[in-house]
């Protein structure tokens, strides 16, 4: 990692910063939804509207997977790893879009 600090172009650090922000947001959203569900059970309706926990969970999972995919792309992971993470993030966001249109 020390060598990466010396040779990585500034664009790499920008992308890794975005990836780290997505990972942090995903972790916070997942933590919020899981802690609230444990504290209040399935009856908890969230702050704004019923179903907020499901929204928070799906978006958190999507952010986590998208952040991992960006991180993997930038650090030259195998293509199948990046495709799998990106596909899982797309599924998470797609499920949320379907859930929002059914309300």
N, C-alpha and C. Protein backbone atom coordinates (compact mmCIF):
# COMPACT_ATOMS: atom_id res chain seq x y z
N UNK A 1 0.83 -1.19 0.00
CA UNK A 1 0.00 0.00 0.00
C UNK A 1 0.87 1.25 0.00
N UNK A 2 2.04 1.17 0.64
CA UNK A 2 2.93 2.33 0.68
C UNK A 2 3.37 2.77 -0.70
N UNK A 3 3.64 1.81 -1.57
CA UNK A 3 4.05 2.13 -2.94
C UNK A 3 2.90 2.78 -3.71
N UNK A 4 1.68 2.36 -3.45
CA UNK A 4 0.51 2.93 -4.11
C UNK A 4 0.39 4.42 -3.80
N UNK A 5 0.72 4.82 -2.59
CA UNK A 5 0.68 6.24 -2.23
C UNK A 5 1.59 7.07 -3.12
N UNK A 6 2.72 6.47 -3.54
CA UNK A 6 3.70 7.21 -4.33
C UNK A 6 3.36 7.26 -5.81
N UNK A 7 2.81 6.18 -6.36
CA UNK A 7 2.68 6.09 -7.82
C UNK A 7 1.27 6.30 -8.35
N UNK A 8 0.28 6.30 -7.51
CA UNK A 8 -1.10 6.40 -8.00
C UNK A 8 -1.40 7.82 -8.48
N UNK A 9 -2.05 7.94 -9.65
CA UNK A 9 -2.42 9.27 -10.13
C UNK A 9 -3.55 9.86 -9.28
N UNK A 10 -3.74 11.18 -9.33
CA UNK A 10 -4.79 11.82 -8.54
C UNK A 10 -6.19 11.29 -8.83
N UNK A 11 -6.45 10.90 -10.08
CA UNK A 11 -7.78 10.36 -10.41
C UNK A 11 -8.07 9.10 -9.62
N UNK A 12 -7.05 8.29 -9.41
CA UNK A 12 -7.22 7.07 -8.62
C UNK A 12 -7.68 7.41 -7.21
N UNK A 13 -7.08 8.43 -6.63
CA UNK A 13 -7.47 8.80 -5.27
C UNK A 13 -8.88 9.37 -5.24
N UNK A 14 -9.29 10.05 -6.30
CA UNK A 14 -10.67 10.54 -6.37
C UNK A 14 -11.66 9.40 -6.41
N UNK A 15 -11.37 8.40 -7.23
CA UNK A 15 -12.27 7.25 -7.35
C UNK A 15 -12.28 6.45 -6.05
N UNK A 16 -11.12 6.27 -5.44
CA UNK A 16 -11.07 5.54 -4.17
C UNK A 16 -11.79 6.31 -3.06
N UNK A 17 -11.77 7.63 -3.12
CA UNK A 17 -12.51 8.43 -2.14
C UNK A 17 -14.01 8.25 -2.32
N UNK A 18 -14.47 8.25 -3.57
CA UNK A 18 -15.90 8.00 -3.84
C UNK A 18 -16.28 6.60 -3.36
N UNK A 19 -15.43 5.62 -3.66
CA UNK A 19 -15.70 4.24 -3.22
C UNK A 19 -15.77 4.16 -1.70
N UNK A 20 -14.83 4.81 -1.02
CA UNK A 20 -14.83 4.79 0.44
C UNK A 20 -16.07 5.48 1.01
N UNK A 21 -16.50 6.56 0.37
CA UNK A 21 -17.72 7.25 0.81
C UNK A 21 -18.94 6.36 0.64
N UNK A 22 -19.01 5.65 -0.49
CA UNK A 22 -20.12 4.71 -0.70
C UNK A 22 -20.09 3.58 0.33
N UNK A 23 -18.90 3.08 0.63
CA UNK A 23 -18.78 2.02 1.64
C UNK A 23 -19.24 2.53 3.01
N UNK A 24 -18.84 3.73 3.36
CA UNK A 24 -19.25 4.30 4.64
C UNK A 24 -20.76 4.52 4.69
N UNK A 25 -21.32 5.08 3.61
CA UNK A 25 -22.76 5.30 3.56
C UNK A 25 -23.52 3.98 3.64
N UNK A 26 -23.03 2.98 2.92
CA UNK A 26 -23.67 1.66 2.96
C UNK A 26 -23.64 1.07 4.36
N UNK A 27 -22.50 1.18 5.03
CA UNK A 27 -22.38 0.65 6.38
C UNK A 27 -23.33 1.38 7.34
N UNK A 28 -23.40 2.70 7.23
CA UNK A 28 -24.28 3.48 8.12
C UNK A 28 -25.74 3.13 7.87
N UNK A 29 -26.15 3.04 6.60
CA UNK A 29 -27.55 2.72 6.28
C UNK A 29 -27.92 1.31 6.74
N UNK A 30 -27.04 0.35 6.50
CA UNK A 30 -27.32 -1.02 6.95
C UNK A 30 -27.38 -1.08 8.47
N UNK A 31 -26.46 -0.42 9.14
CA UNK A 31 -26.46 -0.42 10.60
C UNK A 31 -27.75 0.19 11.14
N UNK A 32 -28.16 1.31 10.55
CA UNK A 32 -29.39 1.97 11.01
C UNK A 32 -30.59 1.05 10.87
N UNK A 33 -30.72 0.42 9.70
CA UNK A 33 -31.91 -0.41 9.48
C UNK A 33 -31.91 -1.63 10.38
N UNK A 34 -30.74 -2.24 10.58
CA UNK A 34 -30.70 -3.45 11.41
C UNK A 34 -30.90 -3.13 12.89
N UNK A 35 -30.33 -2.03 13.36
CA UNK A 35 -30.51 -1.65 14.77
C UNK A 35 -31.96 -1.28 15.04
N UNK A 36 -32.58 -0.51 14.15
CA UNK A 36 -33.97 -0.12 14.34
C UNK A 36 -34.90 -1.33 14.28
N UNK A 37 -34.62 -2.25 13.39
CA UNK A 37 -35.47 -3.43 13.30
C UNK A 37 -35.35 -4.26 14.58
N UNK A 38 -34.14 -4.38 15.11
CA UNK A 38 -33.97 -5.15 16.33
C UNK A 38 -34.66 -4.45 17.51
N UNK A 39 -34.60 -3.12 17.54
CA UNK A 39 -35.19 -2.38 18.66
C UNK A 39 -36.71 -2.34 18.60
N UNK A 40 -37.27 -2.23 17.39
CA UNK A 40 -38.71 -2.00 17.26
C UNK A 40 -39.46 -3.15 16.61
N UNK A 41 -38.76 -4.13 16.09
CA UNK A 41 -39.42 -5.24 15.41
C UNK A 41 -39.95 -4.84 14.05
N UNK A 42 -40.79 -5.67 13.47
CA UNK A 42 -41.31 -5.42 12.13
C UNK A 42 -42.36 -4.31 12.12
N UNK A 43 -42.81 -3.87 13.31
CA UNK A 43 -43.85 -2.84 13.35
C UNK A 43 -43.28 -1.45 13.14
N UNK A 44 -41.97 -1.29 13.20
CA UNK A 44 -41.35 0.04 13.05
C UNK A 44 -41.59 0.56 11.64
N UNK A 45 -42.10 1.79 11.54
CA UNK A 45 -42.43 2.33 10.23
C UNK A 45 -41.46 3.40 9.77
N UNK A 46 -40.48 3.72 10.55
CA UNK A 46 -39.49 4.68 10.11
C UNK A 46 -39.90 6.11 10.39
N UNK A 47 -39.09 7.02 9.92
CA UNK A 47 -39.30 8.43 10.22
C UNK A 47 -40.38 9.03 9.32
N UNK A 48 -40.32 8.74 8.03
CA UNK A 48 -41.18 9.46 7.09
C UNK A 48 -42.38 8.66 6.61
N UNK A 49 -42.21 7.42 6.33
CA UNK A 49 -43.31 6.63 5.77
C UNK A 49 -43.07 5.15 6.05
N UNK A 50 -44.12 4.34 6.02
CA UNK A 50 -43.95 2.91 6.24
C UNK A 50 -43.01 2.32 5.19
N UNK A 51 -42.20 1.41 5.62
CA UNK A 51 -41.28 0.76 4.69
C UNK A 51 -39.91 1.41 4.63
N UNK A 52 -39.69 2.40 5.48
CA UNK A 52 -38.40 3.09 5.44
C UNK A 52 -37.24 2.15 5.75
N UNK A 53 -37.44 1.19 6.63
CA UNK A 53 -36.35 0.27 6.95
C UNK A 53 -35.96 -0.57 5.74
N UNK A 54 -36.95 -1.02 4.97
CA UNK A 54 -36.63 -1.80 3.79
C UNK A 54 -35.86 -0.96 2.79
N UNK A 55 -36.29 0.30 2.62
CA UNK A 55 -35.59 1.22 1.72
C UNK A 55 -34.15 1.42 2.18
N UNK A 56 -33.99 1.69 3.48
CA UNK A 56 -32.66 1.93 4.03
C UNK A 56 -31.78 0.70 3.85
N UNK A 57 -32.35 -0.47 4.08
CA UNK A 57 -31.56 -1.70 3.94
C UNK A 57 -31.13 -1.91 2.50
N UNK A 58 -32.05 -1.76 1.55
CA UNK A 58 -31.71 -2.00 0.14
C UNK A 58 -30.70 -0.99 -0.38
N UNK A 59 -30.92 0.27 -0.07
CA UNK A 59 -29.99 1.30 -0.54
C UNK A 59 -28.62 1.12 0.13
N UNK A 60 -28.62 0.75 1.40
CA UNK A 60 -27.36 0.48 2.09
C UNK A 60 -26.60 -0.67 1.45
N UNK A 61 -27.31 -1.74 1.13
CA UNK A 61 -26.66 -2.87 0.47
C UNK A 61 -26.15 -2.47 -0.91
N UNK A 62 -26.93 -1.69 -1.63
CA UNK A 62 -26.49 -1.24 -2.96
C UNK A 62 -25.25 -0.35 -2.88
N UNK A 63 -25.23 0.57 -1.92
CA UNK A 63 -24.06 1.44 -1.74
C UNK A 63 -22.82 0.63 -1.38
N UNK A 64 -23.00 -0.34 -0.51
CA UNK A 64 -21.88 -1.18 -0.12
C UNK A 64 -21.32 -1.94 -1.31
N UNK A 65 -22.19 -2.54 -2.09
CA UNK A 65 -21.73 -3.31 -3.25
C UNK A 65 -21.14 -2.41 -4.33
N UNK A 66 -21.74 -1.26 -4.56
CA UNK A 66 -21.21 -0.33 -5.56
C UNK A 66 -19.85 0.20 -5.13
N UNK A 67 -19.70 0.50 -3.87
CA UNK A 67 -18.39 0.94 -3.36
C UNK A 67 -17.34 -0.13 -3.51
N UNK A 68 -17.70 -1.37 -3.21
CA UNK A 68 -16.76 -2.48 -3.39
C UNK A 68 -16.40 -2.67 -4.85
N UNK A 69 -17.37 -2.51 -5.74
CA UNK A 69 -17.10 -2.66 -7.17
C UNK A 69 -16.15 -1.56 -7.65
N UNK A 70 -16.38 -0.32 -7.24
CA UNK A 70 -15.47 0.77 -7.62
C UNK A 70 -14.06 0.53 -7.10
N UNK A 71 -13.98 0.09 -5.87
CA UNK A 71 -12.69 -0.20 -5.25
C UNK A 71 -11.98 -1.30 -6.03
N UNK A 72 -12.73 -2.33 -6.39
CA UNK A 72 -12.14 -3.45 -7.13
C UNK A 72 -11.68 -3.02 -8.52
N UNK A 73 -12.46 -2.18 -9.19
CA UNK A 73 -12.06 -1.68 -10.51
C UNK A 73 -10.76 -0.90 -10.40
N UNK A 74 -10.70 -0.02 -9.45
CA UNK A 74 -9.54 0.86 -9.34
C UNK A 74 -8.28 0.10 -8.93
N UNK A 75 -8.44 -0.95 -8.15
CA UNK A 75 -7.27 -1.72 -7.72
C UNK A 75 -7.03 -2.94 -8.60
N UNK A 76 -7.64 -2.96 -9.79
CA UNK A 76 -7.40 -3.97 -10.83
C UNK A 76 -7.72 -5.39 -10.37
N UNK A 77 -8.90 -5.56 -9.83
CA UNK A 77 -9.37 -6.90 -9.48
C UNK A 77 -9.77 -7.63 -10.76
N UNK A 78 -9.91 -8.95 -10.70
CA UNK A 78 -10.37 -9.68 -11.89
C UNK A 78 -11.74 -9.17 -12.36
N UNK A 79 -11.96 -9.23 -13.65
CA UNK A 79 -13.18 -8.69 -14.25
C UNK A 79 -14.43 -9.34 -13.67
N UNK A 80 -14.40 -10.64 -13.40
CA UNK A 80 -15.60 -11.31 -12.91
C UNK A 80 -15.99 -10.81 -11.52
N UNK A 81 -15.01 -10.41 -10.71
CA UNK A 81 -15.31 -9.88 -9.37
C UNK A 81 -16.04 -8.54 -9.50
N UNK A 82 -15.52 -7.68 -10.38
CA UNK A 82 -16.13 -6.37 -10.59
C UNK A 82 -17.54 -6.53 -11.16
N UNK A 83 -17.70 -7.43 -12.13
CA UNK A 83 -19.02 -7.65 -12.73
C UNK A 83 -20.01 -8.19 -11.70
N UNK A 84 -19.57 -9.10 -10.86
CA UNK A 84 -20.46 -9.66 -9.84
C UNK A 84 -20.90 -8.59 -8.84
N UNK A 85 -19.97 -7.79 -8.37
CA UNK A 85 -20.31 -6.74 -7.41
C UNK A 85 -21.21 -5.68 -8.03
N UNK A 86 -20.90 -5.28 -9.25
CA UNK A 86 -21.74 -4.30 -9.94
C UNK A 86 -23.13 -4.84 -10.21
N UNK A 87 -23.21 -6.12 -10.59
CA UNK A 87 -24.51 -6.75 -10.82
C UNK A 87 -25.34 -6.83 -9.56
N UNK A 88 -24.72 -7.18 -8.45
CA UNK A 88 -25.44 -7.23 -7.18
C UNK A 88 -25.93 -5.85 -6.76
N UNK A 89 -25.10 -4.83 -6.98
CA UNK A 89 -25.54 -3.46 -6.66
C UNK A 89 -26.73 -3.06 -7.53
N UNK A 90 -26.68 -3.42 -8.81
CA UNK A 90 -27.79 -3.09 -9.72
C UNK A 90 -29.07 -3.79 -9.28
N UNK A 91 -28.96 -5.04 -8.84
CA UNK A 91 -30.13 -5.78 -8.36
C UNK A 91 -30.69 -5.11 -7.11
N UNK A 92 -29.82 -4.69 -6.19
CA UNK A 92 -30.30 -4.04 -4.96
C UNK A 92 -31.05 -2.75 -5.28
N UNK A 93 -30.49 -1.93 -6.16
CA UNK A 93 -31.16 -0.68 -6.52
C UNK A 93 -32.43 -0.97 -7.34
N UNK A 94 -32.40 -2.00 -8.18
CA UNK A 94 -33.59 -2.37 -8.96
C UNK A 94 -34.72 -2.82 -8.07
N UNK A 95 -34.41 -3.61 -7.05
CA UNK A 95 -35.43 -4.05 -6.11
C UNK A 95 -36.06 -2.86 -5.40
N UNK A 96 -35.25 -1.88 -5.07
CA UNK A 96 -35.79 -0.69 -4.42
C UNK A 96 -36.70 0.08 -5.36
N UNK A 97 -36.32 0.19 -6.62
CA UNK A 97 -37.16 0.90 -7.59
C UNK A 97 -38.50 0.20 -7.76
N UNK A 98 -38.49 -1.12 -7.82
CA UNK A 98 -39.73 -1.88 -7.94
C UNK A 98 -40.59 -1.69 -6.70
N UNK A 99 -39.96 -1.72 -5.54
CA UNK A 99 -40.71 -1.55 -4.29
C UNK A 99 -41.35 -0.17 -4.21
N UNK A 100 -40.65 0.85 -4.68
CA UNK A 100 -41.20 2.21 -4.62
C UNK A 100 -42.36 2.39 -5.59
N UNK A 101 -42.33 1.71 -6.74
CA UNK A 101 -43.41 1.88 -7.71
C UNK A 101 -44.66 1.12 -7.30
N UNK A 102 -44.55 0.18 -6.40
CA UNK A 102 -45.72 -0.60 -5.96
C UNK A 102 -46.47 0.07 -4.83
N UNK A 103 -45.99 1.17 -4.33
CA UNK A 103 -46.66 1.84 -3.20
C UNK A 103 -47.73 2.77 -3.68
